[in-house]
Amino acid sequence: MAWIYLGIAALFEAAWTFSLKYLDFKQIKAMGLTNLFSSQGAMTIVPLLGYIIFGIGNIYFFAMALKLVPTAVAMAIWTALTLIFIKLIDIWILHEKLSWAEIGFMLLITIGIIGLKVVSK
């Protein structure tokens, strides 16, 4: 179950990262309460809500995994999965290019994740 928690935490972390990318505090400060319910206000507030929700989800599932897996292993897996999820989102949603070197390094990360799963208790 810990590995599922780590995967979910990594997904939340990747989503949190992209909400942070699109979060604009200047727009939030400039927007008053009256503009909160307009279409522009919604587009300004959505990244903030994502930041909060994904951040809490990430902390919750990572904490659950830490109770079941050694801390160093959990941190390594969580970080590696998050990097892979972010790169996959970059490719599939943001249509970024993928190089052979990136494929090779993501394979190395994946091999490391599998290795840690095999040798951990």
PDB file of N, CA and C in Angstrom:
ATOM      1  N   MET A   1       0.816  -1.198   0.000  1.00  0.00           N
ATOM      2  CA  MET A   1       0.000   0.000   0.000  1.00  0.00           C
ATOM      3  C   MET A   1       0.861   1.265   0.000  1.00  0.00           C
ATOM      4  N   ALA A   2       2.057   1.166   0.602  1.00  0.00           N
ATOM      5  CA  ALA A   2       2.940   2.330   0.679  1.00  0.00           C
ATOM      6  C   ALA A   2       3.328   2.822  -0.714  1.00  0.00           C
ATOM      7  N   TRP A   3       3.511   1.894  -1.630  1.00  0.00           N
ATOM      8  CA  TRP A   3       3.921   2.279  -2.981  1.00  0.00           C
ATOM      9  C   TRP A   3       2.793   3.005  -3.705  1.00  0.00           C
ATOM     10  N   ILE A   4       1.573   2.630  -3.412  1.00  0.00           N
ATOM     11  CA  ILE A   4       0.427   3.348  -3.983  1.00  0.00           C
ATOM     12  C   ILE A   4       0.368   4.758  -3.399  1.00  0.00           C
ATOM     13  N   TYR A   5       0.578   4.870  -2.087  1.00  0.00           N
ATOM     14  CA  TYR A   5       0.614   6.192  -1.455  1.00  0.00           C
ATOM     15  C   TYR A   5       1.691   7.076  -2.075  1.00  0.00           C
ATOM     16  N   LEU A   6       2.866   6.497  -2.328  1.00  0.00           N
ATOM     17  CA  LEU A   6       3.954   7.275  -2.941  1.00  0.00           C
ATOM     18  C   LEU A   6       3.589   7.722  -4.353  1.00  0.00           C
ATOM     19  N   GLY A   7       2.945   6.848  -5.106  1.00  0.00           N
ATOM     20  CA  GLY A   7       2.515   7.217  -6.461  1.00  0.00           C
ATOM     21  C   GLY A   7       1.491   8.330  -6.446  1.00  0.00           C
ATOM     22  N   ILE A   8       0.525   8.228  -5.547  1.00  0.00           N
ATOM     23  CA  ILE A   8      -0.494   9.275  -5.435  1.00  0.00           C
ATOM     24  C   ILE A   8       0.142  10.583  -4.973  1.00  0.00           C
ATOM     25  N   ALA A   9       1.043  10.508  -3.987  1.00  0.00           N
ATOM     26  CA  ALA A   9       1.732  11.711  -3.511  1.00  0.00           C
ATOM     27  C   ALA A   9       2.528  12.356  -4.635  1.00  0.00           C
ATOM     28  N   ALA A  10       3.180  11.554  -5.463  1.00  0.00           N
ATOM     29  CA  ALA A  10       3.958  12.085  -6.583  1.00  0.00           C
ATOM     30  C   ALA A  10       3.047  12.747  -7.611  1.00  0.00           C
ATOM     31  N   LEU A  11       1.877  12.160  -7.860  1.00  0.00           N
ATOM     32  CA  LEU A  11       0.916  12.800  -8.774  1.00  0.00           C
ATOM     33  C   LEU A  11       0.454  14.147  -8.225  1.00  0.00           C
ATOM     34  N   PHE A  12       0.156  14.174  -6.932  1.00  0.00           N
ATOM     35  CA  PHE A  12      -0.235  15.441  -6.312  1.00  0.00           C
ATOM     36  C   PHE A  12       0.907  16.458  -6.379  1.00  0.00           C
ATOM     37  N   GLU A  13       2.128  16.012  -6.179  1.00  0.00           N
ATOM     38  CA  GLU A  13       3.276  16.923  -6.240  1.00  0.00           C
ATOM     39  C   GLU A  13       3.457  17.487  -7.647  1.00  0.00           C
ATOM     40  N   ALA A  14       3.285  16.642  -8.661  1.00  0.00           N
ATOM     41  CA  ALA A  14       3.390  17.114 -10.052  1.00  0.00           C
ATOM     42  C   ALA A  14       2.293  18.136 -10.338  1.00  0.00           C
ATOM     43  N   ALA A  15       1.067  17.843  -9.915  1.00  0.00           N
ATOM     44  CA  ALA A  15      -0.033  18.785 -10.117  1.00  0.00           C
ATOM     45  C   ALA A  15       0.216  20.074  -9.334  1.00  0.00           C
ATOM     46  N   TRP A  16       0.756  19.954  -8.117  1.00  0.00           N
ATOM     47  CA  TRP A  16       1.087  21.126  -7.310  1.00  0.00           C
ATOM     48  C   TRP A  16       2.118  21.990  -8.034  1.00  0.00           C
ATOM     49  N   THR A  17       3.099  21.338  -8.644  1.00  0.00           N
ATOM     50  CA  THR A  17       4.149  22.061  -9.371  1.00  0.00           C
ATOM     51  C   THR A  17       3.560  22.880 -10.511  1.00  0.00           C
ATOM     52  N   PHE A  18       2.631  22.278 -11.267  1.00  0.00           N
ATOM     53  CA  PHE A  18       2.035  23.018 -12.379  1.00  0.00           C
ATOM     54  C   PHE A  18       1.079  24.098 -11.897  1.00  0.00           C
ATOM     55  N   SER A  19       0.407  23.884 -10.768  1.00  0.00           N
ATOM     56  CA  SER A  19      -0.433  24.959 -10.238  1.00  0.00           C
ATOM     57  C   SER A  19       0.436  26.128  -9.790  1.00  0.00           C
ATOM     58  N   LEU A  20       1.614  25.815  -9.242  1.00  0.00           N
ATOM     59  CA  LEU A  20       2.552  26.860  -8.855  1.00  0.00           C
ATOM     60  C   LEU A  20       3.069  27.618 -10.081  1.00  0.00           C
ATOM     61  N   LYS A  21       3.266  26.895 -11.178  1.00  0.00           N
ATOM     62  CA  LYS A  21       3.745  27.517 -12.418  1.00  0.00           C
ATOM     63  C   LYS A  21       2.761  28.577 -12.919  1.00  0.00           C
ATOM     64  N   TYR A  22       1.470  28.297 -12.779  1.00  0.00           N
ATOM     65  CA  TYR A  22       0.454  29.205 -13.309  1.00  0.00           C
ATOM     66  C   TYR A  22      -0.125  30.156 -12.261  1.00  0.00           C
ATOM     67  N   LEU A  23       0.350  30.065 -11.038  1.00  0.00           N
ATOM     68  CA  LEU A  23      -0.115  30.935  -9.963  1.00  0.00           C
ATOM     69  C   LEU A  23       0.490  32.321 -10.120  1.00  0.00           C
ATOM     70  N   ASP A  24      -0.341  33.348 -10.045  1.00  0.00           N
ATOM     71  CA  ASP A  24       0.126  34.723 -10.201  1.00  0.00           C
ATOM     72  C   ASP A  24      -0.393  35.558  -9.026  1.00  0.00           C
ATOM     73  N   PHE A  25       0.483  35.786  -8.056  1.00  0.00           N
ATOM     74  CA  PHE A  25       0.083  36.517  -6.858  1.00  0.00           C
ATOM     75  C   PHE A  25      -0.265  37.970  -7.155  1.00  0.00           C
ATOM     76  N   LYS A  26       0.351  38.546  -8.167  1.00  0.00           N
ATOM     77  CA  LYS A  26       0.028  39.938  -8.507  1.00  0.00           C
ATOM     78  C   LYS A  26      -1.417  40.058  -8.960  1.00  0.00           C
ATOM     79  N   GLN A  27      -1.880  39.100  -9.763  1.00  0.00           N
ATOM     80  CA  GLN A  27      -3.279  39.129 -10.208  1.00  0.00           C
ATOM     81  C   GLN A  27      -4.228  38.888  -9.042  1.00  0.00           C
ATOM     82  N   ILE A  28      -3.835  38.006  -8.143  1.00  0.00           N
ATOM     83  CA  ILE A  28      -4.693  37.716  -6.993  1.00  0.00           C
ATOM     84  C   ILE A  28      -4.809  38.950  -6.106  1.00  0.00           C
ATOM     85  N   LYS A  29      -3.691  39.652  -5.883  1.00  0.00           N
ATOM     86  CA  LYS A  29      -3.720  40.863  -5.065  1.00  0.00           C
ATOM     87  C   LYS A  29      -4.533  41.967  -5.731  1.00  0.00           C
ATOM     88  N   ALA A  30      -4.411  42.072  -7.064  1.00  0.00           N
ATOM     89  CA  ALA A  30      -5.115  43.125  -7.784  1.00  0.00           C
ATOM     90  C   ALA A  30      -6.614  42.842  -7.893  1.00  0.00           C
ATOM     91  N   MET A  31      -6.971  41.589  -7.816  1.00  0.00           N
ATOM     92  CA  MET A  31      -8.368  41.202  -7.963  1.00  0.00           C
ATOM     93  C   MET A  31      -9.088  41.420  -6.634  1.00  0.00           C
ATOM     94  N   GLY A  32     -10.166  42.134  -6.657  1.00  0.00           N
ATOM     95  CA  GLY A  32     -10.956  42.342  -5.454  1.00  0.00           C
ATOM     96  C   GLY A  32     -11.968  41.221  -5.284  1.00  0.00           C
ATOM     97  N   LEU A  33     -12.680  41.245  -4.195  1.00  0.00           N
ATOM     98  CA  LEU A  33     -13.707  40.230  -3.952  1.00  0.00           C
ATOM     99  C   LEU A  33     -14.825  40.283  -4.984  1.00  0.00           C
ATOM    100  N   THR A  34     -15.080  41.458  -5.553  1.00  0.00           N
ATOM    101  CA  THR A  34     -16.150  41.569  -6.549  1.00  0.00           C
ATOM    102  C   THR A  34     -15.780  40.844  -7.837  1.00  0.00           C
ATOM    103  N   ASN A  35     -14.502  40.799  -8.161  1.00  0.00           N
ATOM    104  CA  ASN A  35     -14.059  40.126  -9.381  1.00  0.00           C
ATOM    105  C   ASN A  35     -13.824  38.634  -9.188  1.00  0.00           C
ATOM    106  N   LEU A  36     -13.965  38.165  -7.971  1.00  0.00           N
ATOM    107  CA  LEU A  36     -13.685  36.766  -7.665  1.00  0.00           C
ATOM    108  C   LEU A  36     -14.569  35.820  -8.458  1.00  0.00           C
ATOM    109  N   PHE A  37     -15.813  36.189  -8.696  1.00  0.00           N
ATOM    110  CA  PHE A  37     -16.762  35.297  -9.353  1.00  0.00           C
ATOM    111  C   PHE A  37     -16.901  35.570 -10.848  1.00  0.00           C
ATOM    112  N   SER A  38     -16.077  36.428 -11.404  1.00  0.00           N
ATOM    113  CA  SER A  38     -16.075  36.637 -12.848  1.00  0.00           C
ATOM    114  C   SER A  38     -15.247  35.540 -13.508  1.00  0.00           C
ATOM    115  N   SER A  39     -15.303  35.449 -14.837  1.00  0.00           N
ATOM    116  CA  SER A  39     -14.534  34.408 -15.535  1.00  0.00           C
ATOM    117  C   SER A  39     -13.038  34.635 -15.357  1.00  0.00           C
ATOM    118  N   GLN A  40     -12.604  35.889 -15.372  1.00  0.00           N
ATOM    119  CA  GLN A  40     -11.187  36.167 -15.152  1.00  0.00           C
ATOM    120  C   GLN A  40     -10.796  35.838 -13.718  1.00  0.00           C
ATOM    121  N   GLY A  41     -11.677  36.110 -12.785  1.00  0.00           N
ATOM    122  CA  GLY A  41     -11.404  35.798 -11.388  1.00  0.00           C
ATOM    123  C   GLY A  41     -11.271  34.304 -11.163  1.00  0.00           C
ATOM    124  N   ALA A  42     -12.114  33.527 -11.836  1.00  0.00           N
ATOM    125  CA  ALA A  42     -12.039  32.066 -11.706  1.00  0.00           C
ATOM    126  C   ALA A  42     -10.710  31.550 -12.247  1.00  0.00           C
ATOM    127  N   MET A  43     -10.272  32.080 -13.370  1.00  0.00           N
ATOM    128  CA  MET A  43      -9.007  31.628 -13.954  1.00  0.00           C
ATOM    129  C   MET A  43      -7.814  32.047 -13.101  1.00  0.00           C
ATOM    130  N   THR A  44      -7.973  33.071 -12.303  1.00  0.00           N
ATOM    131  CA  THR A  44      -6.921  33.504 -11.399  1.00  0.00           C
ATOM    132  C   THR A  44      -6.911  32.664 -10.133  1.00  0.00           C
ATOM    133  N   ILE A  45      -8.086  32.282  -9.677  1.00  0.00           N
ATOM    134  CA  ILE A  45      -8.229  31.562  -8.414  1.00  0.00           C
ATOM    135  C   ILE A  45      -7.956  30.062  -8.580  1.00  0.00           C
ATOM    136  N   VAL A  46      -8.207  29.475  -9.747  1.00  0.00           N
ATOM    137  CA  VAL A  46      -8.038  28.026  -9.949  1.00  0.00           C
ATOM    138  C   VAL A  46      -6.612  27.559  -9.611  1.00  0.00           C
ATOM    139  N   PRO A  47      -5.562  28.225 -10.086  1.00  0.00           N
ATOM    140  CA  PRO A  47      -4.221  27.779  -9.688  1.00  0.00           C
ATOM    141  C   PRO A  47      -3.976  27.881  -8.181  1.00  0.00           C
ATOM    142  N   LEU A  48      -4.569  28.874  -7.525  1.00  0.00           N
ATOM    143  CA  LEU A  48      -4.423  29.005  -6.074  1.00  0.00           C
ATOM    144  C   LEU A  48      -5.110  27.842  -5.360  1.00  0.00           C
ATOM    145  N   LEU A  49      -6.308  27.503  -5.801  1.00  0.00           N
ATOM    146  CA  LEU A  49      -7.013  26.368  -5.210  1.00  0.00           C
ATOM    147  C   LEU A  49      -6.255  25.064  -5.465  1.00  0.00           C
ATOM    148  N   GLY A  50      -5.723  24.919  -6.681  1.00  0.00           N
ATOM    149  CA  GLY A  50      -4.916  23.743  -6.985  1.00  0.00           C
ATOM    150  C   GLY A  50      -3.689  23.676  -6.106  1.00  0.00           C
ATOM    151  N   TYR A  51      -3.053  24.809  -5.916  1.00  0.00           N
ATOM    152  CA  TYR A  51      -1.870  24.890  -5.050  1.00  0.00           C
ATOM    153  C   TYR A  51      -2.197  24.374  -3.653  1.00  0.00           C
ATOM    154  N   ILE A  52      -3.314  24.795  -3.117  1.00  0.00           N
ATOM    155  CA  ILE A  52      -3.704  24.399  -1.764  1.00  0.00           C
ATOM    156  C   ILE A  52      -4.113  22.926  -1.723  1.00  0.00           C
ATOM    157  N   ILE A  53      -5.002  22.523  -2.611  1.00  0.00           N
ATOM    158  CA  ILE A  53      -5.537  21.153  -2.594  1.00  0.00           C
ATOM    159  C   ILE A  53      -4.454  20.130  -2.909  1.00  0.00           C
ATOM    160  N   PHE A  54      -3.684  20.380  -3.973  1.00  0.00           N
ATOM    161  CA  PHE A  54      -2.636  19.425  -4.349  1.00  0.00           C
ATOM    162  C   PHE A  54      -1.527  19.374  -3.296  1.00  0.00           C
ATOM    163  N   GLY A  55      -1.239  20.515  -2.678  1.00  0.00           N
ATOM    164  CA  GLY A  55      -0.225  20.539  -1.624  1.00  0.00           C
ATOM    165  C   GLY A  55      -0.643  19.718  -0.414  1.00  0.00           C
ATOM    166  N   ILE A  56      -1.892  19.867  -0.014  1.00  0.00           N
ATOM    167  CA  ILE A  56      -2.394  19.094   1.130  1.00  0.00           C
ATOM    168  C   ILE A  56      -2.448  17.611   0.786  1.00  0.00           C
ATOM    169  N   GLY A  57      -2.921  17.285  -0.424  1.00  0.00           N
ATOM    170  CA  GLY A  57      -2.972  15.886  -0.841  1.00  0.00           C
ATOM    171  C   GLY A  57      -1.588  15.259  -0.878  1.00  0.00           C
ATOM    172  N   ASN A  58      -0.627  15.997  -1.381  1.00  0.00           N
ATOM    173  CA  ASN A  58       0.748  15.517  -1.430  1.00  0.00           C
ATOM    174  C   ASN A  58       1.274  15.220  -0.032  1.00  0.00           C
ATOM    175  N   ILE A  59       1.093  16.146   0.883  1.00  0.00           N
ATOM    176  CA  ILE A  59       1.574  15.969   2.256  1.00  0.00           C
ATOM    177  C   ILE A  59       0.897  14.777   2.914  1.00  0.00           C
ATOM    178  N   TYR A  60      -0.413  14.655   2.717  1.00  0.00           N
ATOM    179  CA  TYR A  60      -1.159  13.563   3.349  1.00  0.00           C
ATOM    180  C   TYR A  60      -0.658  12.192   2.870  1.00  0.00           C
ATOM    181  N   PHE A  61      -0.593  11.988   1.554  1.00  0.00           N
ATOM    182  CA  PHE A  61      -0.211  10.677   1.040  1.00  0.00           C
ATOM    183  C   PHE A  61       1.266  10.375   1.275  1.00  0.00           C
ATOM    184  N   PHE A  62       2.113  11.393   1.226  1.00  0.00           N
ATOM    185  CA  PHE A  62       3.523  11.170   1.512  1.00  0.00           C
ATOM    186  C   PHE A  62       3.706  10.787   2.981  1.00  0.00           C
ATOM    187  N   ALA A  63       2.966  11.429   3.861  1.00  0.00           N
ATOM    188  CA  ALA A  63       3.032  11.087   5.290  1.00  0.00           C
ATOM    189  C   ALA A  63       2.558   9.658   5.531  1.00  0.00           C
ATOM    190  N   MET A  64       1.518   9.240   4.825  1.00  0.00           N
ATOM    191  CA  MET A  64       1.030   7.863   4.956  1.00  0.00           C
ATOM    192  C   MET A  64       2.103   6.871   4.504  1.00  0.00           C
ATOM    193  N   ALA A  65       2.779   7.197   3.412  1.00  0.00           N
ATOM    194  CA  ALA A  65       3.827   6.306   2.904  1.00  0.00           C
ATOM    195  C   ALA A  65       5.010   6.245   3.863  1.00  0.00           C
ATOM    196  N   LEU A  66       5.346   7.364   4.484  1.00  0.00           N
ATOM    197  CA  LEU A  66       6.480   7.402   5.412  1.00  0.00           C
ATOM    198  C   LEU A  66       6.286   6.486   6.615  1.00  0.00           C
ATOM    199  N   LYS A  67       5.051   6.197   6.949  1.00  0.00           N
ATOM    200  CA  LYS A  67       4.791   5.298   8.069  1.00  0.00           C
ATOM    201  C   LYS A  67       5.092   3.846   7.713  1.00  0.00           C
ATOM    202  N   LEU A  68       5.188   3.560   6.396  1.00  0.00           N
ATOM    203  CA  LEU A  68       5.331   2.181   5.943  1.00  0.00           C
ATOM    204  C   LEU A  68       6.654   1.878   5.241  1.00  0.00           C
ATOM    205  N   VAL A  69       7.378   2.912   4.839  1.00  0.00           N
ATOM    206  CA  VAL A  69       8.609   2.751   4.062  1.00  0.00           C
ATOM    207  C   VAL A  69       9.709   3.561   4.743  1.00  0.00           C
ATOM    208  N   PRO A  70      10.960   3.082   4.703  1.00  0.00           N
ATOM    209  CA  PRO A  70      12.054   3.899   5.246  1.00  0.00           C
ATOM    210  C   PRO A  70      12.092   5.281   4.577  1.00  0.00           C
ATOM    211  N   THR A  71      12.435   6.284   5.348  1.00  0.00           N
ATOM    212  CA  THR A  71      12.365   7.665   4.881  1.00  0.00           C
ATOM    213  C   THR A  71      13.194   7.913   3.629  1.00  0.00           C
ATOM    214  N   ALA A  72      14.430   7.434   3.595  1.00  0.00           N
ATOM    215  CA  ALA A  72      15.299   7.673   2.433  1.00  0.00           C
ATOM    216  C   ALA A  72      14.731   7.018   1.179  1.00  0.00           C
ATOM    217  N   VAL A  73      14.203   5.827   1.311  1.00  0.00           N
ATOM    218  CA  VAL A  73      13.608   5.132   0.163  1.00  0.00           C
ATOM    219  C   VAL A  73      12.364   5.876  -0.313  1.00  0.00           C
ATOM    220  N   ALA A  74      11.507   6.288   0.630  1.00  0.00           N
ATOM    221  CA  ALA A  74      10.292   7.014   0.273  1.00  0.00           C
ATOM    222  C   ALA A  74      10.623   8.323  -0.438  1.00  0.00           C
ATOM    223  N   MET A  75      11.613   9.035   0.076  1.00  0.00           N
ATOM    224  CA  MET A  75      11.996  10.317  -0.538  1.00  0.00           C
ATOM    225  C   MET A  75      12.531  10.112  -1.945  1.00  0.00           C
ATOM    226  N   ALA A  76      13.361   9.098  -2.133  1.00  0.00           N
ATOM    227  CA  ALA A  76      13.926   8.827  -3.452  1.00  0.00           C
ATOM    228  C   ALA A  76      12.833   8.449  -4.451  1.00  0.00           C
ATOM    229  N   ILE A  77      11.938   7.574  -4.046  1.00  0.00           N
ATOM    230  CA  ILE A  77      10.854   7.138  -4.931  1.00  0.00           C
ATOM    231  C   ILE A  77       9.933   8.305  -5.261  1.00  0.00           C
ATOM    232  N   TRP A  78       9.545   9.056  -4.253  1.00  0.00           N
ATOM    233  CA  TRP A  78       8.639  10.188  -4.441  1.00  0.00           C
ATOM    234  C   TRP A  78       9.238  11.225  -5.392  1.00  0.00           C
ATOM    235  N   THR A  79      10.504  11.543  -5.191  1.00  0.00           N
ATOM    236  CA  THR A  79      11.172  12.518  -6.050  1.00  0.00           C
ATOM    237  C   THR A  79      11.275  12.016  -7.489  1.00  0.00           C
ATOM    238  N   ALA A  80      11.683  10.765  -7.636  1.00  0.00           N
ATOM    239  CA  ALA A  80      11.838  10.200  -8.975  1.00  0.00           C
ATOM    240  C   ALA A  80      10.504  10.127  -9.705  1.00  0.00           C
ATOM    241  N   LEU A  81       9.464   9.645  -9.031  1.00  0.00           N
ATOM    242  CA  LEU A  81       8.154   9.568  -9.674  1.00  0.00           C
ATOM    243  C   LEU A  81       7.632  10.954 -10.040  1.00  0.00           C
ATOM    244  N   THR A  82       7.858  11.916  -9.160  1.00  0.00           N
ATOM    245  CA  THR A  82       7.421  13.280  -9.453  1.00  0.00           C
ATOM    246  C   THR A  82       8.113  13.814 -10.703  1.00  0.00           C
ATOM    247  N   LEU A  83       9.413  13.600 -10.816  1.00  0.00           N
ATOM    248  CA  LEU A  83      10.135  14.056 -12.014  1.00  0.00           C
ATOM    249  C   LEU A  83       9.591  13.406 -13.278  1.00  0.00           C
ATOM    250  N   ILE A  84       9.327  12.118 -13.207  1.00  0.00           N
ATOM    251  CA  ILE A  84       8.792  11.413 -14.378  1.00  0.00           C
ATOM    252  C   ILE A  84       7.398  11.942 -14.718  1.00  0.00           C
ATOM    253  N   PHE A  85       6.536  12.116 -13.722  1.00  0.00           N
ATOM    254  CA  PHE A  85       5.184  12.628 -13.980  1.00  0.00           C
ATOM    255  C   PHE A  85       5.231  14.038 -14.580  1.00  0.00           C
ATOM    256  N   ILE A  86       6.113  14.879 -14.064  1.00  0.00           N
ATOM    257  CA  ILE A  86       6.226  16.239 -14.607  1.00  0.00           C
ATOM    258  C   ILE A  86       6.669  16.196 -16.065  1.00  0.00           C
ATOM    259  N   LYS A  87       7.638  15.348 -16.378  1.00  0.00           N
ATOM    260  CA  LYS A  87       8.109  15.253 -17.758  1.00  0.00           C
ATOM    261  C   LYS A  87       7.013  14.712 -18.673  1.00  0.00           C
ATOM    262  N   LEU A  88       6.259  13.731 -18.204  1.00  0.00           N
ATOM    263  CA  LEU A  88       5.169  13.188 -19.022  1.00  0.00           C
ATOM    264  C   LEU A  88       4.083  14.230 -19.268  1.00  0.00           C
ATOM    265  N   ILE A  89       3.778  15.037 -18.255  1.00  0.00           N
ATOM    266  CA  ILE A  89       2.808  16.120 -18.445  1.00  0.00           C
ATOM    267  C   ILE A  89       3.353  17.141 -19.437  1.00  0.00           C
ATOM    268  N   ASP A  90       4.644  17.468 -19.316  1.00  0.00           N
ATOM    269  CA  ASP A  90       5.264  18.380 -20.284  1.00  0.00           C
ATOM    270  C   ASP A  90       5.100  17.864 -21.710  1.00  0.00           C
ATOM    271  N   ILE A  91       5.274  16.574 -21.904  1.00  0.00           N
ATOM    272  CA  ILE A  91       5.206  15.989 -23.240  1.00  0.00           C
ATOM    273  C   ILE A  91       3.766  15.909 -23.736  1.00  0.00           C
ATOM    274  N   TRP A  92       2.874  15.330 -22.930  1.00  0.00           N
ATOM    275  CA  TRP A  92       1.515  15.061 -23.394  1.00  0.00           C
ATOM    276  C   TRP A  92       0.613  16.281 -23.410  1.00  0.00           C
ATOM    277  N   ILE A  93       0.747  17.166 -22.450  1.00  0.00           N
ATOM    278  CA  ILE A  93      -0.170  18.302 -22.361  1.00  0.00           C
ATOM    279  C   ILE A  93       0.451  19.574 -22.937  1.00  0.00           C
ATOM    280  N   LEU A  94       1.704  19.834 -22.609  1.00  0.00           N
ATOM    281  CA  LEU A  94       2.356  21.058 -23.079  1.00  0.00           C
ATOM    282  C   LEU A  94       3.105  20.863 -24.398  1.00  0.00           C
ATOM    283  N   HIS A  95       3.100  19.638 -24.922  1.00  0.00           N
ATOM    284  CA  HIS A  95       3.676  19.290 -26.232  1.00  0.00           C
ATOM    285  C   HIS A  95       5.150  19.663 -26.366  1.00  0.00           C
ATOM    286  N   GLU A  96       5.908  19.416 -25.299  1.00  0.00           N
ATOM    287  CA  GLU A  96       7.350  19.627 -25.373  1.00  0.00           C
ATOM    288  C   GLU A  96       8.001  18.436 -26.061  1.00  0.00           C
ATOM    289  N   LYS A  97       9.161  18.668 -26.609  1.00  0.00           N
ATOM    290  CA  LYS A  97       9.908  17.608 -27.295  1.00  0.00           C
ATOM    291  C   LYS A  97      10.605  16.718 -26.277  1.00  0.00           C
ATOM    292  N   LEU A  98      10.869  15.490 -26.692  1.00  0.00           N
ATOM    293  CA  LEU A  98      11.549  14.518 -25.846  1.00  0.00           C
ATOM    294  C   LEU A  98      12.780  14.032 -26.590  1.00  0.00           C
ATOM    295  N   SER A  99      13.923  14.115 -25.945  1.00  0.00           N
ATOM    296  CA  SER A  99      15.167  13.666 -26.574  1.00  0.00           C
ATOM    297  C   SER A  99      15.493  12.250 -26.126  1.00  0.00           C
ATOM    298  N   TRP A 100      16.376  11.599 -26.877  1.00  0.00           N
ATOM    299  CA  TRP A 100      16.803  10.252 -26.517  1.00  0.00           C
ATOM    300  C   TRP A 100      17.533  10.245 -25.175  1.00  0.00           C
ATOM    301  N   ALA A 101      18.266  11.303 -24.898  1.00  0.00           N
ATOM    302  CA  ALA A 101      18.961  11.394 -23.610  1.00  0.00           C
ATOM    303  C   ALA A 101      17.947  11.418 -22.464  1.00  0.00           C
ATOM    304  N   GLU A 102      16.871  12.185 -22.630  1.00  0.00           N
ATOM    305  CA  GLU A 102      15.842  12.238 -21.592  1.00  0.00           C
ATOM    306  C   GLU A 102      15.178  10.875 -21.406  1.00  0.00           C
ATOM    307  N   ILE A 103      14.925  10.186 -22.495  1.00  0.00           N
ATOM    308  CA  ILE A 103      14.358   8.833 -22.407  1.00  0.00           C
ATOM    309  C   ILE A 103      15.301   7.928 -21.624  1.00  0.00           C
ATOM    310  N   GLY A 104      16.576   8.001 -21.938  1.00  0.00           N
ATOM    311  CA  GLY A 104      17.563   7.180 -21.245  1.00  0.00           C
ATOM    312  C   GLY A 104      17.615   7.469 -19.758  1.00  0.00           C
ATOM    313  N   PHE A 105      17.600   8.735 -19.407  1.00  0.00           N
ATOM    314  CA  PHE A 105      17.665   9.092 -17.993  1.00  0.00           C
ATOM    315  C   PHE A 105      16.371   8.730 -17.255  1.00  0.00           C
ATOM    316  N   MET A 106      15.231   8.856 -17.920  1.00  0.00           N
ATOM    317  CA  MET A 106      13.984   8.441 -17.283  1.00  0.00           C
ATOM    318  C   MET A 106      13.956   6.925 -17.100  1.00  0.00           C
ATOM    319  N   LEU A 107      14.553   6.190 -18.034  1.00  0.00           N
ATOM    320  CA  LEU A 107      14.668   4.740 -17.862  1.00  0.00           C
ATOM    321  C   LEU A 107      15.559   4.407 -16.673  1.00  0.00           C
ATOM    322  N   LEU A 108      16.647   5.154 -16.513  1.00  0.00           N
ATOM    323  CA  LEU A 108      17.507   4.938 -15.353  1.00  0.00           C
ATOM    324  C   LEU A 108      16.763   5.216 -14.043  1.00  0.00           C
ATOM    325  N   ILE A 109      15.964   6.274 -14.034  1.00  0.00           N
ATOM    326  CA  ILE A 109      15.163   6.575 -12.847  1.00  0.00           C
ATOM    327  C   ILE A 109      14.187   5.436 -12.580  1.00  0.00           C
ATOM    328  N   THR A 110      13.543   4.962 -13.636  1.00  0.00           N
ATOM    329  CA  THR A 110      12.585   3.861 -13.488  1.00  0.00           C
ATOM    330  C   THR A 110      13.265   2.605 -12.971  1.00  0.00           C
ATOM    331  N   ILE A 111      14.444   2.304 -13.490  1.00  0.00           N
ATOM    332  CA  ILE A 111      15.201   1.142 -13.011  1.00  0.00           C
ATOM    333  C   ILE A 111      15.547   1.316 -11.530  1.00  0.00           C
ATOM    334  N   GLY A 112      15.912   2.521 -11.139  1.00  0.00           N
ATOM    335  CA  GLY A 112      16.201   2.793  -9.732  1.00  0.00           C
ATOM    336  C   GLY A 112      14.978   2.593  -8.854  1.00  0.00           C
ATOM    337  N   ILE A 113      13.815   3.035  -9.321  1.00  0.00           N
ATOM    338  CA  ILE A 113      12.576   2.854  -8.559  1.00  0.00           C
ATOM    339  C   ILE A 113      12.281   1.368  -8.383  1.00  0.00           C
ATOM    340  N   ILE A 114      12.390   0.617  -9.475  1.00  0.00           N
ATOM    341  CA  ILE A 114      12.132  -0.824  -9.409  1.00  0.00           C
ATOM    342  C   ILE A 114      13.142  -1.488  -8.478  1.00  0.00           C
ATOM    343  N   GLY A 115      14.402  -1.092  -8.584  1.00  0.00           N
ATOM    344  CA  GLY A 115      15.434  -1.659  -7.705  1.00  0.00           C
ATOM    345  C   GLY A 115      15.154  -1.387  -6.246  1.00  0.00           C
ATOM    346  N   LEU A 116      14.740  -0.156  -5.919  1.00  0.00           N
ATOM    347  CA  LEU A 116      14.423   0.160  -4.527  1.00  0.00           C
ATOM    348  C   LEU A 116      13.222  -0.641  -4.025  1.00  0.00           C
ATOM    349  N   LYS A 117      12.262  -0.844  -4.898  1.00  0.00           N
ATOM    350  CA  LYS A 117      11.093  -1.635  -4.498  1.00  0.00           C
ATOM    351  C   LYS A 117      11.493  -3.085  -4.231  1.00  0.00           C
ATOM    352  N   VAL A 118      12.372  -3.625  -5.073  1.00  0.00           N
ATOM    353  CA  VAL A 118      12.785  -5.025  -4.922  1.00  0.00           C
ATOM    354  C   VAL A 118      13.585  -5.233  -3.637  1.00  0.00           C
ATOM    355  N   VAL A 119      14.496  -4.318  -3.313  1.00  0.00           N
ATOM    356  CA  VAL A 119      15.367  -4.539  -2.169  1.00  0.00           C
ATOM    357  C   VAL A 119      14.828  -4.015  -0.848  1.00  0.00           C
ATOM    358  N   SER A 120      13.790  -3.168  -0.878  1.00  0.00           N
ATOM    359  CA  SER A 120      13.259  -2.642   0.390  1.00  0.00           C
ATOM    360  C   SER A 120      12.339  -3.672   1.032  1.00  0.00           C
ATOM    361  N   LYS A 121      12.217  -3.566   2.331  1.00  0.00           N
ATOM    362  CA  LYS A 121      11.406  -4.538   3.096  1.00  0.00           C
ATOM    363  C   LYS A 121       9.943  -4.207   3.003  1.00  0.00           C
TER     364      LYS A 121
END
